[in-house]
Amino acid sequence: MDPALHALTDQYWYWSLFFFIYGLSFFLMGFGILIRSRWGSNLSLGRRLPSLAVFGLLHGATEWGYIFIPARVVAEGWQTLRGALLTGGHALLLALSYTFLLAFGLNLMVDTRNWPGWVRTLPAVFLGGWGLIFSSPFPAAGQPRGRGLFPET
């Protein structure tokens, strides 16, 4: 979560409007696909559209986070519980949205290009790897290295 983007939306109203419309376009795309995909389809593209719909809904909510999460909470970062929950939740939404986009693309490639079936598991593997890196303790500035995911040798 970039504090500079939050500062822009606090200072200039037109950036808030931009992020609102940008998020609304993704949200409406996801909502429209979700409504349409209720009828089902025999096409391989139609069977994979629900994951694209989830991407649109989650990514729209992510973009709205730049407007609705106050800049002072982002500036708090991980020092407070509120800052940690909102900043971490926003980062999780972003990672989840791109995971569903990757799942849509890879599932479509498995269906249409005869890629191996194990490729369908890659989005979950990548999300798990992201979660491992995201949750690992990295040393703060001025602290000695040697802890965390990548210890100093």
N, C-alpha and C. Protein backbone atom coordinates (compact mmCIF):
# COMPACT_ATOMS: atom_id res chain seq x y z
N MET A 1 0.85 -1.16 0.00
CA MET A 1 0.00 0.00 0.00
C MET A 1 0.90 1.23 0.00
N ASP A 2 0.75 2.05 -0.99
CA ASP A 2 1.63 3.19 -1.17
C ASP A 2 1.08 4.41 -0.45
N PRO A 3 1.80 4.94 0.55
CA PRO A 3 1.31 6.13 1.26
C PRO A 3 1.18 7.34 0.35
N ALA A 4 1.97 7.40 -0.72
CA ALA A 4 1.89 8.54 -1.62
C ALA A 4 0.54 8.60 -2.32
N LEU A 5 -0.02 7.45 -2.66
CA LEU A 5 -1.33 7.44 -3.31
C LEU A 5 -2.42 7.92 -2.35
N HIS A 6 -2.29 7.54 -1.09
CA HIS A 6 -3.26 8.01 -0.10
C HIS A 6 -3.13 9.51 0.14
N ALA A 7 -1.92 10.01 0.12
CA ALA A 7 -1.72 11.45 0.28
C ALA A 7 -2.32 12.20 -0.90
N LEU A 8 -2.22 11.65 -2.10
CA LEU A 8 -2.83 12.28 -3.27
C LEU A 8 -4.34 12.38 -3.13
N THR A 9 -4.97 11.29 -2.67
CA THR A 9 -6.42 11.32 -2.56
C THR A 9 -6.89 12.22 -1.43
N ASP A 10 -6.05 12.45 -0.43
CA ASP A 10 -6.42 13.39 0.64
C ASP A 10 -6.28 14.84 0.19
N GLN A 11 -5.29 15.13 -0.64
CA GLN A 11 -5.01 16.51 -1.01
C GLN A 11 -5.79 16.98 -2.23
N TYR A 12 -5.98 16.11 -3.19
CA TYR A 12 -6.59 16.52 -4.46
C TYR A 12 -7.84 15.69 -4.71
N TRP A 13 -8.98 16.35 -4.84
CA TRP A 13 -10.25 15.66 -4.99
C TRP A 13 -10.33 14.86 -6.28
N TYR A 14 -9.66 15.30 -7.33
CA TYR A 14 -9.80 14.61 -8.61
C TYR A 14 -9.12 13.25 -8.61
N TRP A 15 -8.11 13.04 -7.72
CA TRP A 15 -7.54 11.72 -7.60
C TRP A 15 -8.52 10.76 -6.94
N SER A 16 -9.30 11.26 -6.00
CA SER A 16 -10.34 10.42 -5.40
C SER A 16 -11.38 10.03 -6.44
N LEU A 17 -11.74 10.97 -7.29
CA LEU A 17 -12.69 10.68 -8.36
C LEU A 17 -12.10 9.65 -9.33
N PHE A 18 -10.82 9.82 -9.66
CA PHE A 18 -10.16 8.87 -10.57
C PHE A 18 -10.18 7.46 -9.99
N PHE A 19 -9.76 7.30 -8.73
CA PHE A 19 -9.74 5.97 -8.12
C PHE A 19 -11.14 5.40 -7.94
N PHE A 20 -12.13 6.28 -7.71
CA PHE A 20 -13.49 5.79 -7.59
C PHE A 20 -13.99 5.23 -8.92
N ILE A 21 -13.77 5.95 -10.00
CA ILE A 21 -14.22 5.48 -11.32
C ILE A 21 -13.42 4.26 -11.77
N TYR A 22 -12.13 4.27 -11.51
CA TYR A 22 -11.27 3.13 -11.85
C TYR A 22 -11.72 1.88 -11.12
N GLY A 23 -11.97 2.00 -9.83
CA GLY A 23 -12.46 0.86 -9.05
C GLY A 23 -13.85 0.43 -9.45
N LEU A 24 -14.68 1.42 -9.78
CA LEU A 24 -16.05 1.11 -10.20
C LEU A 24 -16.06 0.33 -11.51
N SER A 25 -15.14 0.63 -12.41
CA SER A 25 -15.11 -0.11 -13.68
C SER A 25 -14.77 -1.58 -13.44
N PHE A 26 -13.81 -1.86 -12.57
CA PHE A 26 -13.49 -3.26 -12.26
C PHE A 26 -14.64 -3.93 -11.52
N PHE A 27 -15.23 -3.22 -10.57
CA PHE A 27 -16.32 -3.79 -9.79
C PHE A 27 -17.52 -4.12 -10.68
N LEU A 28 -17.88 -3.21 -11.58
CA LEU A 28 -19.01 -3.46 -12.47
C LEU A 28 -18.71 -4.56 -13.48
N MET A 29 -17.45 -4.65 -13.93
CA MET A 29 -17.08 -5.75 -14.81
C MET A 29 -17.29 -7.08 -14.09
N GLY A 30 -16.80 -7.17 -12.86
CA GLY A 30 -16.96 -8.40 -12.10
C GLY A 30 -18.41 -8.71 -11.80
N PHE A 31 -19.17 -7.68 -11.45
CA PHE A 31 -20.59 -7.89 -11.15
C PHE A 31 -21.35 -8.33 -12.39
N GLY A 32 -21.06 -7.71 -13.52
CA GLY A 32 -21.73 -8.09 -14.77
C GLY A 32 -21.41 -9.51 -15.19
N ILE A 33 -20.15 -9.90 -15.06
CA ILE A 33 -19.76 -11.27 -15.41
C ILE A 33 -20.40 -12.26 -14.45
N LEU A 34 -20.46 -11.91 -13.19
CA LEU A 34 -21.07 -12.79 -12.19
C LEU A 34 -22.55 -13.01 -12.48
N ILE A 35 -23.25 -11.94 -12.83
CA ILE A 35 -24.68 -12.07 -13.17
C ILE A 35 -24.85 -12.92 -14.42
N ARG A 36 -24.03 -12.68 -15.43
CA ARG A 36 -24.16 -13.38 -16.70
C ARG A 36 -23.75 -14.85 -16.58
N SER A 37 -22.78 -15.15 -15.73
CA SER A 37 -22.28 -16.52 -15.65
C SER A 37 -23.21 -17.46 -14.89
N ARG A 38 -24.30 -16.94 -14.37
CA ARG A 38 -25.26 -17.81 -13.68
C ARG A 38 -25.93 -18.79 -14.63
N TRP A 39 -26.02 -18.43 -15.90
CA TRP A 39 -26.70 -19.29 -16.87
C TRP A 39 -25.83 -20.43 -17.35
N GLY A 40 -24.55 -20.38 -17.12
CA GLY A 40 -23.66 -21.45 -17.54
C GLY A 40 -23.32 -21.34 -19.02
N SER A 41 -22.35 -22.13 -19.42
CA SER A 41 -21.90 -22.11 -20.80
C SER A 41 -21.20 -23.40 -21.13
N ASN A 42 -21.25 -23.78 -22.40
CA ASN A 42 -20.52 -24.95 -22.87
C ASN A 42 -19.13 -24.58 -23.36
N LEU A 43 -18.86 -23.29 -23.52
CA LEU A 43 -17.56 -22.84 -23.98
C LEU A 43 -16.55 -22.85 -22.83
N SER A 44 -15.30 -23.12 -23.17
CA SER A 44 -14.27 -23.15 -22.11
C SER A 44 -14.08 -21.76 -21.50
N LEU A 45 -14.23 -20.72 -22.30
CA LEU A 45 -14.12 -19.35 -21.76
C LEU A 45 -15.25 -19.07 -20.78
N GLY A 46 -16.45 -19.49 -21.11
CA GLY A 46 -17.60 -19.25 -20.23
C GLY A 46 -17.50 -19.97 -18.91
N ARG A 47 -16.89 -21.15 -18.91
CA ARG A 47 -16.74 -21.90 -17.66
C ARG A 47 -15.72 -21.26 -16.73
N ARG A 48 -14.81 -20.47 -17.26
CA ARG A 48 -13.76 -19.85 -16.45
C ARG A 48 -14.07 -18.40 -16.06
N LEU A 49 -15.17 -17.87 -16.51
CA LEU A 49 -15.50 -16.47 -16.22
C LEU A 49 -15.74 -16.15 -14.75
N PRO A 50 -16.24 -17.08 -13.91
CA PRO A 50 -16.42 -16.70 -12.49
C PRO A 50 -15.13 -16.27 -11.80
N SER A 51 -13.99 -16.85 -12.15
CA SER A 51 -12.75 -16.39 -11.52
C SER A 51 -12.38 -14.99 -12.00
N LEU A 52 -12.71 -14.65 -13.24
CA LEU A 52 -12.50 -13.28 -13.72
C LEU A 52 -13.45 -12.31 -13.00
N ALA A 53 -14.66 -12.78 -12.71
CA ALA A 53 -15.61 -11.94 -11.97
C ALA A 53 -15.11 -11.66 -10.56
N VAL A 54 -14.57 -12.67 -9.90
CA VAL A 54 -14.03 -12.46 -8.55
C VAL A 54 -12.86 -11.49 -8.60
N PHE A 55 -12.02 -11.61 -9.65
CA PHE A 55 -10.93 -10.64 -9.81
C PHE A 55 -11.48 -9.23 -9.90
N GLY A 56 -12.51 -9.02 -10.72
CA GLY A 56 -13.06 -7.68 -10.88
C GLY A 56 -13.61 -7.12 -9.57
N LEU A 57 -14.33 -7.94 -8.83
CA LEU A 57 -14.90 -7.48 -7.57
C LEU A 57 -13.81 -7.14 -6.55
N LEU A 58 -12.82 -8.02 -6.42
CA LEU A 58 -11.75 -7.78 -5.46
C LEU A 58 -10.86 -6.61 -5.86
N HIS A 59 -10.57 -6.50 -7.15
CA HIS A 59 -9.70 -5.42 -7.58
C HIS A 59 -10.40 -4.07 -7.49
N GLY A 60 -11.69 -4.04 -7.73
CA GLY A 60 -12.45 -2.80 -7.53
C GLY A 60 -12.41 -2.37 -6.07
N ALA A 61 -12.58 -3.33 -5.17
CA ALA A 61 -12.51 -3.01 -3.74
C ALA A 61 -11.11 -2.55 -3.35
N THR A 62 -10.09 -3.12 -3.97
CA THR A 62 -8.72 -2.71 -3.69
C THR A 62 -8.49 -1.26 -4.10
N GLU A 63 -8.96 -0.89 -5.26
CA GLU A 63 -8.78 0.48 -5.73
C GLU A 63 -9.56 1.47 -4.87
N TRP A 64 -10.70 1.07 -4.39
CA TRP A 64 -11.47 1.94 -3.49
C TRP A 64 -10.77 2.11 -2.15
N GLY A 65 -9.90 1.18 -1.80
CA GLY A 65 -9.14 1.30 -0.56
C GLY A 65 -8.27 2.55 -0.53
N TYR A 66 -7.80 2.99 -1.70
CA TYR A 66 -6.99 4.21 -1.75
C TYR A 66 -7.80 5.44 -1.37
N ILE A 67 -9.11 5.36 -1.52
CA ILE A 67 -9.97 6.49 -1.18
C ILE A 67 -10.42 6.39 0.27
N PHE A 68 -10.89 5.21 0.66
CA PHE A 68 -11.60 5.07 1.92
C PHE A 68 -10.71 4.77 3.12
N ILE A 69 -9.47 4.33 2.90
CA ILE A 69 -8.56 4.15 4.03
C ILE A 69 -7.80 5.46 4.20
N PRO A 70 -7.96 6.11 5.32
CA PRO A 70 -7.32 7.43 5.51
C PRO A 70 -5.80 7.35 5.44
N ALA A 71 -5.20 8.43 4.95
CA ALA A 71 -3.74 8.47 4.80
C ALA A 71 -3.03 8.39 6.15
N ARG A 72 -3.63 8.91 7.20
CA ARG A 72 -2.97 8.86 8.51
C ARG A 72 -2.88 7.43 9.03
N VAL A 73 -3.85 6.58 8.67
CA VAL A 73 -3.79 5.17 9.08
C VAL A 73 -2.67 4.46 8.33
N VAL A 74 -2.51 4.79 7.06
CA VAL A 74 -1.43 4.19 6.27
C VAL A 74 -0.08 4.65 6.81
N ALA A 75 0.00 5.90 7.22
CA ALA A 75 1.25 6.43 7.77
C ALA A 75 1.60 5.73 9.09
N GLU A 76 0.59 5.29 9.85
CA GLU A 76 0.85 4.55 11.08
C GLU A 76 1.55 3.23 10.77
N GLY A 77 1.26 2.67 9.60
CA GLY A 77 1.89 1.43 9.18
C GLY A 77 1.56 0.29 10.12
N TRP A 78 2.59 -0.43 10.52
CA TRP A 78 2.42 -1.61 11.36
C TRP A 78 2.56 -1.29 12.84
N GLN A 79 2.66 0.00 13.20
CA GLN A 79 2.84 0.34 14.61
C GLN A 79 1.57 0.16 15.43
N THR A 80 0.41 0.28 14.81
CA THR A 80 -0.85 0.11 15.52
C THR A 80 -1.63 -1.04 14.92
N LEU A 81 -2.54 -1.59 15.71
CA LEU A 81 -3.36 -2.70 15.22
C LEU A 81 -4.23 -2.24 14.06
N ARG A 82 -4.80 -1.06 14.16
CA ARG A 82 -5.66 -0.54 13.10
C ARG A 82 -4.87 -0.38 11.80
N GLY A 83 -3.67 0.18 11.91
CA GLY A 83 -2.84 0.35 10.72
C GLY A 83 -2.43 -0.98 10.12
N ALA A 84 -2.10 -1.93 10.98
CA ALA A 84 -1.68 -3.25 10.49
C ALA A 84 -2.83 -3.97 9.80
N LEU A 85 -4.02 -3.91 10.39
CA LEU A 85 -5.17 -4.59 9.79
C LEU A 85 -5.55 -3.98 8.46
N LEU A 86 -5.61 -2.65 8.40
CA LEU A 86 -6.02 -2.01 7.15
C LEU A 86 -4.95 -2.12 6.07
N THR A 87 -3.69 -1.91 6.44
CA THR A 87 -2.62 -2.01 5.46
C THR A 87 -2.44 -3.45 4.99
N GLY A 88 -2.42 -4.38 5.93
CA GLY A 88 -2.30 -5.80 5.56
C GLY A 88 -3.51 -6.31 4.80
N GLY A 89 -4.69 -5.86 5.20
CA GLY A 89 -5.91 -6.27 4.48
C GLY A 89 -5.94 -5.75 3.05
N HIS A 90 -5.47 -4.52 2.87
CA HIS A 90 -5.41 -3.95 1.53
C HIS A 90 -4.42 -4.72 0.66
N ALA A 91 -3.26 -5.07 1.24
CA ALA A 91 -2.27 -5.85 0.50
C ALA A 91 -2.80 -7.25 0.18
N LEU A 92 -3.53 -7.84 1.12
CA LEU A 92 -4.12 -9.16 0.88
C LEU A 92 -5.17 -9.11 -0.23
N LEU A 93 -5.99 -8.07 -0.24
CA LEU A 93 -6.97 -7.93 -1.32
C LEU A 93 -6.29 -7.82 -2.68
N LEU A 94 -5.22 -7.06 -2.73
CA LEU A 94 -4.50 -6.91 -3.99
C LEU A 94 -3.92 -8.24 -4.46
N ALA A 95 -3.30 -8.98 -3.53
CA ALA A 95 -2.73 -10.28 -3.89
C ALA A 95 -3.82 -11.27 -4.30
N LEU A 96 -4.94 -11.27 -3.58
CA LEU A 96 -6.04 -12.17 -3.94
C LEU A 96 -6.63 -11.85 -5.30
N SER A 97 -6.77 -10.56 -5.59
CA SER A 97 -7.35 -10.19 -6.89
C SER A 97 -6.47 -10.69 -8.03
N TYR A 98 -5.15 -10.49 -7.92
CA TYR A 98 -4.27 -10.96 -8.98
C TYR A 98 -4.16 -12.48 -9.02
N THR A 99 -4.37 -13.14 -7.89
CA THR A 99 -4.40 -14.60 -7.88
C THR A 99 -5.57 -15.12 -8.70
N PHE A 100 -6.74 -14.49 -8.57
CA PHE A 100 -7.89 -14.92 -9.36
C PHE A 100 -7.71 -14.59 -10.84
N LEU A 101 -7.03 -13.50 -11.16
CA LEU A 101 -6.75 -13.21 -12.56
C LEU A 101 -5.80 -14.25 -13.14
N LEU A 102 -4.78 -14.62 -12.39
CA LEU A 102 -3.86 -15.66 -12.84
C LEU A 102 -4.58 -17.00 -12.98
N ALA A 103 -5.48 -17.31 -12.04
CA ALA A 103 -6.24 -18.55 -12.12
C ALA A 103 -7.11 -18.57 -13.37
N PHE A 104 -7.73 -17.45 -13.70
CA PHE A 104 -8.54 -17.36 -14.91
C PHE A 104 -7.68 -17.66 -16.14
N GLY A 105 -6.55 -17.01 -16.25
CA GLY A 105 -5.70 -17.19 -17.42
C GLY A 105 -5.13 -18.59 -17.53
N LEU A 106 -4.64 -19.14 -16.43
CA LEU A 106 -4.04 -20.47 -16.48
C LEU A 106 -5.09 -21.56 -16.72
N ASN A 107 -6.25 -21.43 -16.10
CA ASN A 107 -7.31 -22.41 -16.36
C ASN A 107 -7.75 -22.37 -17.81
N LEU A 108 -7.79 -21.20 -18.38
CA LEU A 108 -8.16 -21.08 -19.79
C LEU A 108 -7.09 -21.71 -20.68
N MET A 109 -5.83 -21.53 -20.33
CA MET A 109 -4.76 -22.14 -21.12
C MET A 109 -4.76 -23.66 -20.99
N VAL A 110 -5.08 -24.18 -19.81
CA VAL A 110 -5.17 -25.63 -19.64
C VAL A 110 -6.31 -26.18 -20.49
N ASP A 111 -7.42 -25.46 -20.54
CA ASP A 111 -8.57 -25.93 -21.31
C ASP A 111 -8.37 -25.83 -22.82
N THR A 112 -7.72 -24.77 -23.28
CA THR A 112 -7.66 -24.53 -24.72
C THR A 112 -6.35 -24.92 -25.37
N ARG A 113 -5.25 -24.90 -24.65
CA ARG A 113 -3.93 -25.16 -25.24
C ARG A 113 -3.32 -26.48 -24.77
N ASN A 114 -4.10 -27.27 -24.07
CA ASN A 114 -3.65 -28.58 -23.59
C ASN A 114 -2.40 -28.50 -22.71
N TRP A 115 -2.35 -27.50 -21.86
CA TRP A 115 -1.27 -27.41 -20.88
C TRP A 115 -1.52 -28.50 -19.83
N PRO A 116 -0.50 -28.92 -19.10
CA PRO A 116 -0.71 -29.96 -18.08
C PRO A 116 -1.62 -29.46 -16.96
N GLY A 117 -2.36 -30.39 -16.36
CA GLY A 117 -3.34 -30.02 -15.34
C GLY A 117 -2.75 -29.45 -14.07
N TRP A 118 -1.49 -29.79 -13.76
CA TRP A 118 -0.88 -29.28 -12.53
C TRP A 118 -0.70 -27.77 -12.57
N VAL A 119 -0.79 -27.18 -13.74
CA VAL A 119 -0.65 -25.73 -13.88
C VAL A 119 -1.78 -25.00 -13.13
N ARG A 120 -2.91 -25.68 -12.98
CA ARG A 120 -4.05 -25.07 -12.27
C ARG A 120 -3.74 -24.77 -10.81
N THR A 121 -2.76 -25.44 -10.24
CA THR A 121 -2.41 -25.23 -8.83
C THR A 121 -1.45 -24.06 -8.62
N LEU A 122 -0.88 -23.53 -9.70
CA LEU A 122 0.11 -22.47 -9.55
C LEU A 122 -0.40 -21.22 -8.84
N PRO A 123 -1.63 -20.74 -9.11
CA PRO A 123 -2.07 -19.56 -8.37
C PRO A 123 -2.08 -19.76 -6.85
N ALA A 124 -2.52 -20.93 -6.40
CA ALA A 124 -2.52 -21.19 -4.95
C ALA A 124 -1.10 -21.28 -4.42
N VAL A 125 -0.19 -21.87 -5.19
CA VAL A 125 1.21 -21.96 -4.77
C VAL A 125 1.82 -20.56 -4.68
N PHE A 126 1.57 -19.73 -5.68
CA PHE A 126 2.11 -18.37 -5.66
C PHE A 126 1.53 -17.55 -4.52
N LEU A 127 0.23 -17.70 -4.25
CA LEU A 127 -0.38 -16.98 -3.13
C LEU A 127 0.21 -17.45 -1.80
N GLY A 128 0.45 -18.75 -1.68
CA GLY A 128 1.08 -19.26 -0.47
C GLY A 128 2.50 -18.73 -0.30
N GLY A 129 3.25 -18.66 -1.39
CA GLY A 129 4.60 -18.10 -1.33
C GLY A 129 4.57 -16.63 -0.96
N TRP A 130 3.63 -15.90 -1.53
CA TRP A 130 3.49 -14.49 -1.18
C TRP A 130 3.15 -14.34 0.31
N GLY A 131 2.24 -15.18 0.80
CA GLY A 131 1.86 -15.12 2.21
C GLY A 131 3.02 -15.44 3.13
N LEU A 132 3.87 -16.38 2.71
CA LEU A 132 5.05 -16.73 3.51
C LEU A 132 6.01 -15.55 3.58
N ILE A 133 6.27 -14.92 2.46
CA ILE A 133 7.17 -13.78 2.45
C ILE A 133 6.55 -12.60 3.18
N PHE A 134 5.25 -12.39 2.99
CA PHE A 134 4.57 -11.26 3.61
C PHE A 134 4.54 -11.38 5.12
N SER A 135 4.42 -12.59 5.62
CA SER A 135 4.30 -12.77 7.07
C SER A 135 5.63 -13.03 7.77
N SER A 136 6.71 -13.15 7.01
CA SER A 136 8.00 -13.43 7.66
C SER A 136 8.55 -12.16 8.30
N PRO A 137 9.20 -12.30 9.44
CA PRO A 137 9.73 -11.11 10.12
C PRO A 137 11.04 -10.66 9.49
N PHE A 138 11.05 -9.43 9.03
CA PHE A 138 12.27 -8.84 8.50
C PHE A 138 12.80 -7.87 9.54
N PRO A 139 14.12 -7.76 9.66
CA PRO A 139 14.67 -6.86 10.69
C PRO A 139 14.38 -5.41 10.36
N ALA A 140 14.12 -4.65 11.40
CA ALA A 140 13.90 -3.22 11.22
C ALA A 140 15.25 -2.54 10.99
N ALA A 141 15.20 -1.28 10.62
CA ALA A 141 16.43 -0.53 10.36
C ALA A 141 17.27 -0.47 11.63
N GLY A 142 18.54 -0.79 11.50
CA GLY A 142 19.44 -0.71 12.64
C GLY A 142 19.53 -1.98 13.46
N GLN A 143 18.68 -2.97 13.20
CA GLN A 143 18.75 -4.23 13.94
C GLN A 143 19.64 -5.21 13.19
N PRO A 144 20.31 -6.10 13.90
CA PRO A 144 21.18 -7.06 13.22
C PRO A 144 20.37 -8.06 12.41
N ARG A 145 20.95 -8.49 11.32
CA ARG A 145 20.30 -9.50 10.49
C ARG A 145 20.52 -10.87 11.07
N GLY A 146 19.91 -11.86 10.51
CA GLY A 146 20.11 -13.21 10.97
C GLY A 146 18.81 -13.90 11.35
N ARG A 147 17.72 -13.15 11.39
CA ARG A 147 16.42 -13.74 11.66
C ARG A 147 15.58 -13.63 10.40
N GLY A 148 14.46 -14.31 10.37
CA GLY A 148 13.54 -14.17 9.26
C GLY A 148 13.76 -15.21 8.18
N LEU A 149 13.23 -14.93 7.02
CA LEU A 149 13.23 -15.90 5.93
C LEU A 149 14.61 -16.04 5.29
N PHE A 150 15.35 -14.96 5.19
CA PHE A 150 16.66 -14.97 4.53
C PHE A 150 17.75 -14.56 5.52
N PRO A 151 18.24 -15.48 6.34
CA PRO A 151 19.26 -15.12 7.33
C PRO A 151 20.59 -14.80 6.65
N GLU A 152 21.34 -13.95 7.30
CA GLU A 152 22.66 -13.57 6.78
C GLU A 152 23.64 -14.72 6.98
N THR A 153 24.49 -14.96 6.02
CA THR A 153 25.43 -16.07 6.13
C THR A 153 26.79 -15.59 6.57
